[in-house]
All heavy atoms as atom14 arrays in JSON, in Angstrom:
{
  "sequence": "IATWVAVVQIQARSPGLLLAMMAIVWIADTAAYFVGRR",
  "atom14_mask": [
    [1, 1, 1, 1, 1, 1, 1, 1, 0, 0, 0, 0, 0, 0],
    [1, 1, 1, 1, 1, 0, 0, 0, 0, 0, 0, 0, 0, 0],
    [1, 1, 1, 1, 1, 1, 1, 0, 0, 0, 0, 0, 0, 0],
    [1, 1, 1, 1, 1, 1, 1, 1, 1, 1, 1, 1, 1, 1],
    [1, 1, 1, 1, 1, 1, 1, 0, 0, 0, 0, 0, 0, 0],
    [1, 1, 1, 1, 1, 0, 0, 0, 0, 0, 0, 0, 0, 0],
    [1, 1, 1, 1, 1, 1, 1, 0, 0, 0, 0, 0, 0, 0],
    [1, 1, 1, 1, 1, 1, 1, 0, 0, 0, 0, 0, 0, 0],
    [1, 1, 1, 1, 1, 1, 1, 1, 1, 0, 0, 0, 0, 0],
    [1, 1, 1, 1, 1, 1, 1, 1, 0, 0, 0, 0, 0, 0],
    [1, 1, 1, 1, 1, 1, 1, 1, 1, 0, 0, 0, 0, 0],
    [1, 1, 1, 1, 1, 0, 0, 0, 0, 0, 0, 0, 0, 0],
    [1, 1, 1, 1, 1, 1, 1, 1, 1, 1, 1, 0, 0, 0],
    [1, 1, 1, 1, 1, 1, 0, 0, 0, 0, 0, 0, 0, 0],
    [1, 1, 1, 1, 1, 1, 1, 0, 0, 0, 0, 0, 0, 0],
    [1, 1, 1, 1, 0, 0, 0, 0, 0, 0, 0, 0, 0, 0],
    [1, 1, 1, 1, 1, 1, 1, 1, 0, 0, 0, 0, 0, 0],
    [1, 1, 1, 1, 1, 1, 1, 1, 0, 0, 0, 0, 0, 0],
    [1, 1, 1, 1, 1, 1, 1, 1, 0, 0, 0, 0, 0, 0],
    [1, 1, 1, 1, 1, 0, 0, 0, 0, 0, 0, 0, 0, 0],
    [1, 1, 1, 1, 1, 1, 1, 1, 0, 0, 0, 0, 0, 0],
    [1, 1, 1, 1, 1, 1, 1, 1, 0, 0, 0, 0, 0, 0],
    [1, 1, 1, 1, 1, 0, 0, 0, 0, 0, 0, 0, 0, 0],
    [1, 1, 1, 1, 1, 1, 1, 1, 0, 0, 0, 0, 0, 0],
    [1, 1, 1, 1, 1, 1, 1, 0, 0, 0, 0, 0, 0, 0],
    [1, 1, 1, 1, 1, 1, 1, 1, 1, 1, 1, 1, 1, 1],
    [1, 1, 1, 1, 1, 1, 1, 1, 0, 0, 0, 0, 0, 0],
    [1, 1, 1, 1, 1, 0, 0, 0, 0, 0, 0, 0, 0, 0],
    [1, 1, 1, 1, 1, 1, 1, 1, 0, 0, 0, 0, 0, 0],
    [1, 1, 1, 1, 1, 1, 1, 0, 0, 0, 0, 0, 0, 0],
    [1, 1, 1, 1, 1, 0, 0, 0, 0, 0, 0, 0, 0, 0],
    [1, 1, 1, 1, 1, 0, 0, 0, 0, 0, 0, 0, 0, 0],
    [1, 1, 1, 1, 1, 1, 1, 1, 1, 1, 1, 1, 0, 0],
    [1, 1, 1, 1, 1, 1, 1, 1, 1, 1, 1, 0, 0, 0],
    [1, 1, 1, 1, 1, 1, 1, 0, 0, 0, 0, 0, 0, 0],
    [1, 1, 1, 1, 0, 0, 0, 0, 0, 0, 0, 0, 0, 0],
    [1, 1, 1, 1, 1, 1, 1, 1, 1, 1, 1, 0, 0, 0],
    [1, 1, 1, 1, 1, 1, 1, 1, 1, 1, 1, 0, 0, 0]
  ],
  "atom14_positions": [
    [[144.47, 118.45, 0.67], [145.02, 118.84, -0.63], [144.89, 120.35, -0.84], [145.8, 121.0, -1.37], [144.32, 118.08, -1.77], [144.65, 116.59, -1.68], [144.75, 118.63, -3.13], [146.12, 116.25, -1.81], [0.0, 0.0, 0.0], [0.0, 0.0, 0.0], [0.0, 0.0, 0.0], [0.0, 0.0, 0.0], [0.0, 0.0, 0.0], [0.0, 0.0, 0.0]],
    [[143.78, 120.94, -0.4], [143.61, 122.38, -0.59], [144.65, 123.16, 0.22], [145.19, 124.17, -0.26], [142.2, 122.8, -0.17], [0.0, 0.0, 0.0], [0.0, 0.0, 0.0], [0.0, 0.0, 0.0], [0.0, 0.0, 0.0], [0.0, 0.0, 0.0], [0.0, 0.0, 0.0], [0.0, 0.0, 0.0], [0.0, 0.0, 0.0], [0.0, 0.0, 0.0]],
    [[144.93, 122.72, 1.43], [145.96, 123.38, 2.24], [147.32, 123.27, 1.56], [148.09, 124.23, 1.5], [146.02, 122.76, 3.64], [144.73, 122.87, 4.25], [147.05, 123.46, 4.51], [0.0, 0.0, 0.0], [0.0, 0.0, 0.0], [0.0, 0.0, 0.0], [0.0, 0.0, 0.0], [0.0, 0.0, 0.0], [0.0, 0.0, 0.0], [0.0, 0.0, 0.0]],
    [[147.61, 122.09, 1.05], [148.89, 121.88, 0.36], [148.99, 122.75, -0.89], [150.01, 123.42, -1.11], [149.04, 120.4, 0.0], [150.23, 120.1, -0.84], [151.53, 120.11, -0.44], [150.23, 119.76, -2.23], [152.35, 119.8, -1.5], [151.58, 119.57, -2.6], [149.24, 119.58, -3.18], [151.95, 119.22, -3.9], [149.6, 119.24, -4.47], [150.95, 119.06, -4.82]],
    [[147.94, 122.76, -1.71], [147.93, 123.6, -2.9], [148.15, 125.07, -2.52], [148.91, 125.79, -3.17], [146.6, 123.44, -3.68], [146.43, 124.55, -4.71], [146.57, 122.09, -4.38], [0.0, 0.0, 0.0], [0.0, 0.0, 0.0], [0.0, 0.0, 0.0], [0.0, 0.0, 0.0], [0.0, 0.0, 0.0], [0.0, 0.0, 0.0], [0.0, 0.0, 0.0]],
    [[147.52, 125.5, -1.44], [147.62, 126.89, -1.02], [149.04, 127.26, -0.65], [149.57, 128.29, -1.1], [146.67, 127.15, 0.16], [0.0, 0.0, 0.0], [0.0, 0.0, 0.0], [0.0, 0.0, 0.0], [0.0, 0.0, 0.0], [0.0, 0.0, 0.0], [0.0, 0.0, 0.0], [0.0, 0.0, 0.0], [0.0, 0.0, 0.0], [0.0, 0.0, 0.0]],
    [[149.7, 126.45, 0.19], [151.04, 126.82, 0.64], [152.07, 126.71, -0.48], [153.05, 127.46, -0.5], [151.48, 125.98, 1.87], [150.55, 126.22, 3.05], [151.59, 124.5, 1.55], [0.0, 0.0, 0.0], [0.0, 0.0, 0.0], [0.0, 0.0, 0.0], [0.0, 0.0, 0.0], [0.0, 0.0, 0.0], [0.0, 0.0, 0.0], [0.0, 0.0, 0.0]],
    [[151.84, 125.81, -1.42], [152.75, 125.71, -2.56], [152.55, 126.9, -3.51], [153.51, 127.49, -4.01], [152.57, 124.37, -3.3], [153.43, 124.32, -4.56], [152.91, 123.21, -2.38], [0.0, 0.0, 0.0], [0.0, 0.0, 0.0], [0.0, 0.0, 0.0], [0.0, 0.0, 0.0], [0.0, 0.0, 0.0], [0.0, 0.0, 0.0], [0.0, 0.0, 0.0]],
    [[151.29, 127.24, -3.74], [150.97, 128.36, -4.64], [151.55, 129.67, -4.13], [152.16, 130.43, -4.88], [149.44, 128.48, -4.77], [148.97, 129.55, -5.73], [148.98, 129.09, -7.18], [149.11, 127.9, -7.45], [148.86, 130.01, -8.11], [0.0, 0.0, 0.0], [0.0, 0.0, 0.0], [0.0, 0.0, 0.0], [0.0, 0.0, 0.0], [0.0, 0.0, 0.0]],
    [[151.37, 129.94, -2.85], [151.86, 131.22, -2.3], [153.38, 131.23, -2.27], [154.02, 132.24, -2.58], [151.29, 131.46, -0.89], [149.76, 131.48, -0.91], [151.8, 132.8, -0.35], [149.13, 131.56, 0.47], [0.0, 0.0, 0.0], [0.0, 0.0, 0.0], [0.0, 0.0, 0.0], [0.0, 0.0, 0.0], [0.0, 0.0, 0.0], [0.0, 0.0, 0.0]],
    [[154.0, 130.1, -1.92], [155.46, 130.05, -1.87], [156.09, 130.25, -3.24], [157.16, 130.85, -3.36], [155.93, 128.72, -1.27], [157.39, 128.67, -0.89], [158.29, 128.09, -1.99], [157.8, 127.68, -3.05], [159.59, 128.06, -1.74], [0.0, 0.0, 0.0], [0.0, 0.0, 0.0], [0.0, 0.0, 0.0], [0.0, 0.0, 0.0], [0.0, 0.0, 0.0]],
    [[155.43, 129.74, -4.29], [155.95, 129.91, -5.64], [156.04, 131.39, -5.99], [156.95, 131.83, -6.69], [155.06, 129.18, -6.65], [0.0, 0.0, 0.0], [0.0, 0.0, 0.0], [0.0, 0.0, 0.0], [0.0, 0.0, 0.0], [0.0, 0.0, 0.0], [0.0, 0.0, 0.0], [0.0, 0.0, 0.0], [0.0, 0.0, 0.0], [0.0, 0.0, 0.0]],
    [[155.1, 132.16, -5.48], [155.1, 133.59, -5.74], [156.05, 134.33, -4.83], [156.83, 135.18, -5.28], [153.68, 134.13, -5.55], [153.59, 135.64, -5.66], [152.16, 136.09, -5.55], [152.08, 137.51, -5.38], [150.94, 138.18, -5.26], [149.8, 137.52, -5.29], [150.94, 139.48, -5.09], [0.0, 0.0, 0.0], [0.0, 0.0, 0.0], [0.0, 0.0, 0.0]],
    [[156.0, 134.03, -3.51], [156.86, 134.74, -2.56], [156.92, 133.97, -1.25], [155.92, 133.89, -0.52], [156.3, 136.14, -2.29], [156.94, 136.74, -1.18], [0.0, 0.0, 0.0], [0.0, 0.0, 0.0], [0.0, 0.0, 0.0], [0.0, 0.0, 0.0], [0.0, 0.0, 0.0], [0.0, 0.0, 0.0], [0.0, 0.0, 0.0], [0.0, 0.0, 0.0]],
    [[158.08, 133.4, -0.9], [158.21, 132.73, 0.39], [157.89, 133.66, 1.57], [157.3, 133.24, 2.55], [159.68, 132.29, 0.41], [160.05, 132.16, -1.03], [159.3, 133.25, -1.72], [0.0, 0.0, 0.0], [0.0, 0.0, 0.0], [0.0, 0.0, 0.0], [0.0, 0.0, 0.0], [0.0, 0.0, 0.0], [0.0, 0.0, 0.0], [0.0, 0.0, 0.0]],
    [[158.3, 134.93, 1.45], [158.01, 135.88, 2.51], [156.53, 136.1, 2.7], [156.04, 136.23, 3.84], [0.0, 0.0, 0.0], [0.0, 0.0, 0.0], [0.0, 0.0, 0.0], [0.0, 0.0, 0.0], [0.0, 0.0, 0.0], [0.0, 0.0, 0.0], [0.0, 0.0, 0.0], [0.0, 0.0, 0.0], [0.0, 0.0, 0.0], [0.0, 0.0, 0.0]],
    [[155.78, 136.13, 1.6], [154.33, 136.3, 1.69], [153.69, 135.1, 2.38], [152.79, 135.26, 3.21], [153.74, 136.49, 0.29], [152.23, 136.68, 0.22], [151.79, 137.89, 1.03], [151.78, 136.8, -1.24], [0.0, 0.0, 0.0], [0.0, 0.0, 0.0], [0.0, 0.0, 0.0], [0.0, 0.0, 0.0], [0.0, 0.0, 0.0], [0.0, 0.0, 0.0]],
    [[154.16, 133.91, 2.05], [153.62, 132.71, 2.71], [153.92, 132.74, 4.21], [153.05, 132.43, 5.03], [154.21, 131.44, 2.09], [153.78, 130.13, 2.76], [152.27, 129.99, 2.81], [154.42, 128.94, 2.06], [0.0, 0.0, 0.0], [0.0, 0.0, 0.0], [0.0, 0.0, 0.0], [0.0, 0.0, 0.0], [0.0, 0.0, 0.0], [0.0, 0.0, 0.0]],
    [[155.14, 133.13, 4.57], [155.48, 133.21, 5.99], [154.57, 134.21, 6.69], [154.09, 133.95, 7.81], [156.94, 133.63, 6.15], [157.46, 133.74, 7.59], [157.37, 132.4, 8.29], [158.89, 134.26, 7.6], [0.0, 0.0, 0.0], [0.0, 0.0, 0.0], [0.0, 0.0, 0.0], [0.0, 0.0, 0.0], [0.0, 0.0, 0.0], [0.0, 0.0, 0.0]],
    [[154.31, 135.35, 6.06], [153.43, 136.36, 6.65], [152.02, 135.83, 6.82], [151.36, 136.1, 7.83], [153.42, 137.62, 5.78], [0.0, 0.0, 0.0], [0.0, 0.0, 0.0], [0.0, 0.0, 0.0], [0.0, 0.0, 0.0], [0.0, 0.0, 0.0], [0.0, 0.0, 0.0], [0.0, 0.0, 0.0], [0.0, 0.0, 0.0], [0.0, 0.0, 0.0]],
    [[151.54, 135.06, 5.85], [150.19, 134.49, 5.94], [150.11, 133.43, 7.04], [149.14, 133.39, 7.81], [149.79, 133.88, 4.59], [149.51, 134.9, 3.51], [148.06, 135.9, 3.88], [147.72, 136.65, 2.3], [0.0, 0.0, 0.0], [0.0, 0.0, 0.0], [0.0, 0.0, 0.0], [0.0, 0.0, 0.0], [0.0, 0.0, 0.0], [0.0, 0.0, 0.0]],
    [[151.1, 132.57, 7.12], [151.08, 131.54, 8.16], [151.22, 132.15, 9.54], [150.67, 131.64, 10.52], [152.19, 130.51, 7.91], [151.98, 129.66, 6.68], [153.08, 128.22, 6.57], [154.68, 129.02, 6.45], [0.0, 0.0, 0.0], [0.0, 0.0, 0.0], [0.0, 0.0, 0.0], [0.0, 0.0, 0.0], [0.0, 0.0, 0.0], [0.0, 0.0, 0.0]],
    [[151.93, 133.28, 9.62], [152.11, 133.95, 10.91], [150.78, 134.44, 11.48], [150.63, 134.57, 12.69], [153.09, 135.11, 10.77], [0.0, 0.0, 0.0], [0.0, 0.0, 0.0], [0.0, 0.0, 0.0], [0.0, 0.0, 0.0], [0.0, 0.0, 0.0], [0.0, 0.0, 0.0], [0.0, 0.0, 0.0], [0.0, 0.0, 0.0], [0.0, 0.0, 0.0]],
    [[149.8, 134.72, 10.61], [148.47, 135.1, 11.09], [147.93, 134.02, 12.01], [147.42, 134.3, 13.11], [147.51, 135.33, 9.91], [147.96, 136.51, 9.06], [146.08, 135.54, 10.42], [147.2, 136.65, 7.75], [0.0, 0.0, 0.0], [0.0, 0.0, 0.0], [0.0, 0.0, 0.0], [0.0, 0.0, 0.0], [0.0, 0.0, 0.0], [0.0, 0.0, 0.0]],
    [[148.06, 132.78, 11.59], [147.56, 131.64, 12.37], [148.35, 131.49, 13.66], [147.78, 131.29, 14.74], [147.63, 130.36, 11.53], [147.3, 129.13, 12.37], [146.68, 130.46, 10.34], [0.0, 0.0, 0.0], [0.0, 0.0, 0.0], [0.0, 0.0, 0.0], [0.0, 0.0, 0.0], [0.0, 0.0, 0.0], [0.0, 0.0, 0.0], [0.0, 0.0, 0.0]],
    [[149.66, 131.6, 13.57], [150.51, 131.4, 14.76], [150.27, 132.51, 15.78], [150.23, 132.24, 16.99], [151.97, 131.37, 14.33], [152.28, 130.27, 13.37], [151.64, 129.07, 13.24], [153.31, 130.27, 12.37], [152.2, 128.33, 12.24], [153.23, 129.04, 11.68], [154.3, 131.19, 12.0], [154.1, 128.7, 10.65], [155.16, 130.85, 10.96], [155.06, 129.63, 10.3]],
    [[150.1, 133.73, 15.31], [149.83, 134.84, 16.23], [148.47, 134.67, 16.88], [148.31, 134.88, 18.1], [149.93, 136.19, 15.49], [151.4, 136.47, 15.13], [149.36, 137.32, 16.32], [151.58, 137.65, 14.19], [0.0, 0.0, 0.0], [0.0, 0.0, 0.0], [0.0, 0.0, 0.0], [0.0, 0.0, 0.0], [0.0, 0.0, 0.0], [0.0, 0.0, 0.0]],
    [[147.48, 134.29, 16.09], [146.14, 134.07, 16.65], [146.16, 132.98, 17.71], [145.58, 133.13, 18.79], [145.17, 133.69, 15.52], [0.0, 0.0, 0.0], [0.0, 0.0, 0.0], [0.0, 0.0, 0.0], [0.0, 0.0, 0.0], [0.0, 0.0, 0.0], [0.0, 0.0, 0.0], [0.0, 0.0, 0.0], [0.0, 0.0, 0.0], [0.0, 0.0, 0.0]],
    [[146.86, 131.89, 17.43], [146.92, 130.77, 18.38], [147.63, 131.18, 19.67], [147.18, 130.87, 20.78], [147.63, 129.6, 17.72], [147.63, 128.36, 18.61], [146.54, 127.87, 18.96], [148.73, 127.88, 18.95], [0.0, 0.0, 0.0], [0.0, 0.0, 0.0], [0.0, 0.0, 0.0], [0.0, 0.0, 0.0], [0.0, 0.0, 0.0], [0.0, 0.0, 0.0]],
    [[148.75, 131.89, 19.52], [149.52, 132.3, 20.7], [148.74, 133.3, 21.56], [148.68, 133.17, 22.79], [150.85, 132.93, 20.26], [151.58, 131.98, 19.47], [151.69, 133.31, 21.47], [0.0, 0.0, 0.0], [0.0, 0.0, 0.0], [0.0, 0.0, 0.0], [0.0, 0.0, 0.0], [0.0, 0.0, 0.0], [0.0, 0.0, 0.0], [0.0, 0.0, 0.0]],
    [[148.13, 134.28, 20.9], [147.36, 135.29, 21.64], [146.17, 134.66, 22.34], [145.85, 134.99, 23.49], [146.9, 136.39, 20.69], [0.0, 0.0, 0.0], [0.0, 0.0, 0.0], [0.0, 0.0, 0.0], [0.0, 0.0, 0.0], [0.0, 0.0, 0.0], [0.0, 0.0, 0.0], [0.0, 0.0, 0.0], [0.0, 0.0, 0.0], [0.0, 0.0, 0.0]],
    [[145.48, 133.74, 21.65], [144.33, 133.08, 22.26], [144.73, 132.31, 23.5], [144.01, 132.31, 24.51], [143.68, 132.14, 21.24], [0.0, 0.0, 0.0], [0.0, 0.0, 0.0], [0.0, 0.0, 0.0], [0.0, 0.0, 0.0], [0.0, 0.0, 0.0], [0.0, 0.0, 0.0], [0.0, 0.0, 0.0], [0.0, 0.0, 0.0], [0.0, 0.0, 0.0]],
    [[145.89, 131.68, 23.44], [146.36, 130.89, 24.59], [146.63, 131.78, 25.8], [146.12, 131.53, 26.9], [147.63, 130.13, 24.2], [148.26, 129.37, 25.36], [147.7, 128.17, 25.81], [149.38, 129.88, 26.0], [148.28, 127.48, 26.87], [149.96, 129.2, 27.06], [149.41, 128.0, 27.49], [149.97, 127.33, 28.55], [0.0, 0.0, 0.0], [0.0, 0.0, 0.0]],
    [[147.42, 132.85, 25.59], [147.82, 133.67, 26.73], [146.68, 134.55, 27.24], [146.51, 134.7, 28.45], [149.03, 134.53, 26.35], [150.31, 133.75, 26.3], [150.91, 133.44, 25.09], [150.91, 133.3, 27.46], [152.09, 132.71, 25.04], [152.09, 132.58, 27.43], [152.68, 132.27, 26.21], [0.0, 0.0, 0.0], [0.0, 0.0, 0.0], [0.0, 0.0, 0.0]],
    [[145.88, 135.11, 26.35], [144.74, 135.92, 26.78], [143.71, 135.03, 27.47], [143.13, 135.42, 28.49], [144.11, 136.67, 25.59], [142.82, 137.37, 26.02], [145.1, 137.68, 25.02], [0.0, 0.0, 0.0], [0.0, 0.0, 0.0], [0.0, 0.0, 0.0], [0.0, 0.0, 0.0], [0.0, 0.0, 0.0], [0.0, 0.0, 0.0], [0.0, 0.0, 0.0]],
    [[143.5, 133.84, 26.91], [142.56, 132.92, 27.53], [142.97, 132.51, 28.92], [142.14, 132.41, 29.84], [0.0, 0.0, 0.0], [0.0, 0.0, 0.0], [0.0, 0.0, 0.0], [0.0, 0.0, 0.0], [0.0, 0.0, 0.0], [0.0, 0.0, 0.0], [0.0, 0.0, 0.0], [0.0, 0.0, 0.0], [0.0, 0.0, 0.0], [0.0, 0.0, 0.0]],
    [[144.26, 132.26, 29.11], [144.75, 131.88, 30.44], [144.59, 133.01, 31.45], [144.29, 132.77, 32.62], [146.22, 131.46, 30.35], [146.46, 130.1, 29.72], [147.85, 129.61, 30.0], [148.09, 129.4, 31.43], [149.24, 128.97, 31.93], [150.27, 128.72, 31.13], [149.39, 128.8, 33.22], [0.0, 0.0, 0.0], [0.0, 0.0, 0.0], [0.0, 0.0, 0.0]],
    [[144.81, 134.23, 30.98], [144.77, 135.37, 31.91], [143.35, 135.88, 32.16], [142.99, 136.21, 33.29], [145.63, 136.51, 31.33], [145.61, 137.79, 32.17], [146.22, 137.56, 33.55], [146.21, 138.78, 34.34], [145.18, 139.21, 35.06], [144.04, 138.51, 35.07], [145.26, 140.32, 35.75], [0.0, 0.0, 0.0], [0.0, 0.0, 0.0], [0.0, 0.0, 0.0]]
  ]
}
């Protein structure tokens, strides 16, 4: 529920801001995968 409240709250203010915040997670996951493999 907290995750849901968070993404709804941020999107209500700015969809672009929510996308930027979620991208933090996606970038971290992608970098961890490729750096870890190498």
